[in-house]
Protein backbone atom coordinates (compact mmCIF):
# COMPACT_ATOMS: atom_id res chain seq x y z
CA MET A 1 84.03 89.19 101.48
CA ASP A 2 87.10 90.47 100.49
CA TYR A 3 89.16 93.44 102.48
CA LEU A 4 91.98 95.61 100.97
CA LEU A 5 94.77 96.28 103.81
CA ARG A 6 97.56 98.34 104.69
CA SER A 7 100.07 99.12 107.20
CA THR A 8 103.36 100.35 107.85
CA THR A 9 105.05 97.19 107.49
CA GLU A 10 104.59 93.50 106.62
CA SER A 11 105.15 92.98 110.83
CA ASP A 12 102.49 94.91 111.34
CA MET A 13 100.46 93.14 109.35
CA ASP A 14 100.77 89.80 110.67
CA ASP A 15 100.41 91.35 114.08
CA ALA A 16 97.19 93.11 112.77
CA LEU A 17 96.15 89.54 110.55
CA ILE A 18 96.90 87.50 113.68
CA SER A 19 94.82 89.89 116.19
CA ALA A 20 91.50 89.56 114.09
CA GLY A 21 92.10 85.61 114.19
CA VAL A 22 92.20 85.86 110.56
CA ALA A 23 96.21 84.27 110.77
CA GLN A 24 98.26 82.55 112.55
CA GLU A 25 102.11 81.54 113.50
CA VAL A 26 102.71 78.03 112.10
CA THR A 27 106.13 76.68 112.39
CA ASP A 28 107.32 74.20 109.51
CA GLU A 29 109.52 70.80 110.44
CA GLU A 30 112.83 73.28 110.21
CA GLY A 31 111.62 75.22 112.79
CA GLU A 32 110.71 78.82 110.72
CA VAL A 33 107.49 80.17 112.14
CA THR A 34 105.86 81.64 109.40
CA VAL A 35 102.12 83.61 108.94
CA GLN A 36 99.57 81.46 107.19
CA PRO A 37 96.07 82.30 106.86
CA VAL A 38 93.27 80.60 109.32
CA ALA A 39 90.21 77.76 107.42
CA GLY A 40 88.01 80.01 105.05
CA ILE A 41 90.48 83.24 104.56
CA THR A 42 92.71 83.31 101.17
CA LEU A 43 95.93 85.88 101.87
CA ASP A 44 97.59 87.91 98.97
CA ARG A 45 100.50 89.40 99.93
CA ILE A 46 101.36 92.30 98.11
CA GLY A 47 103.71 94.48 99.65
CA PRO A 48 104.89 98.04 98.64
CA ILE A 49 103.03 99.70 95.19
CA PRO A 50 105.92 100.24 92.75
CA ALA A 51 105.78 104.10 90.76
CA GLN A 52 103.89 103.27 87.63
CA VAL A 53 106.33 104.44 84.81
CA ASP A 54 105.61 105.01 80.62
CA GLU A 55 108.11 104.30 78.25
CA GLU A 56 109.63 107.56 78.38
CA GLY A 57 110.43 106.69 82.74
CA ILE A 58 107.75 109.74 83.71
CA ILE A 59 105.84 108.85 86.22
CA VAL A 60 102.63 108.14 85.76
CA ARG A 61 101.07 106.84 89.25
CA PRO A 62 103.18 107.02 91.99
CA GLY A 63 103.96 104.04 94.64
CA ASP A 64 103.10 103.75 97.76
CA PRO A 65 105.88 102.03 100.30
CA ARG A 66 103.40 100.67 102.62
CA TYR A 67 103.00 97.18 103.03
CA HIS A 68 99.75 95.97 101.11
CA ALA A 69 97.60 92.68 101.44
CA ASN A 70 94.15 91.89 100.36
CA ILE A 71 92.25 88.80 102.02
CA ARG A 72 89.13 87.08 101.05
CA ALA A 73 87.12 85.97 103.62
CA THR A 74 84.73 82.58 102.87
CA ILE A 75 83.63 82.73 106.53
CA GLU A 76 81.67 85.39 108.49
CA LEU A 77 83.81 87.56 110.34
CA THR A 78 82.60 88.90 113.87
CA GLU A 79 82.65 93.14 113.87
CA GLU A 80 86.07 93.07 116.49
CA GLN A 81 87.88 90.55 113.57
CA VAL A 82 86.64 93.74 111.12
CA GLU A 83 87.53 96.55 113.25
CA ALA A 84 91.13 95.15 114.26
CA LEU A 85 91.97 94.69 110.39
CA PRO A 86 94.26 97.72 108.92
CA THR A 87 91.67 98.43 106.43
CA PHE A 88 92.26 101.97 105.05
CA ALA A 89 89.72 104.90 103.16
CA PRO A 90 89.18 105.36 100.40
CA GLU A 91 89.91 102.60 99.06
CA PRO A 92 91.49 102.99 95.47
CA SER A 93 89.33 103.24 92.78
CA VAL A 94 91.90 101.31 91.01
CA PRO A 95 93.27 98.77 93.09
CA TYR A 96 96.64 97.43 92.35
CA ARG A 97 95.23 93.43 92.75
CA VAL A 98 92.64 91.69 93.13
CA PHE A 99 90.82 88.85 93.32
CA ILE A 100 89.19 87.08 90.57
């Protein structure tokens, strides 16, 4: 199942992903902490969506400065996990980026 996610900041997104149990903090050998998806989850970090402009510089589709990500779950998520995800409605009719 695929989920389109949106939050105010990347930090808020990380907190939500960890809270939902679909990601965890991982410390590398140099001590840097990153948030990585757990087994069965693919995470596509998009970030803010830039405005689309035509050849003349006219905005044809406004951007969105909020932080966006998509996840694909190949494991079954509980209702509580899904509710903890920062999904939004309505979903865009033409998503910025999708899994293939």
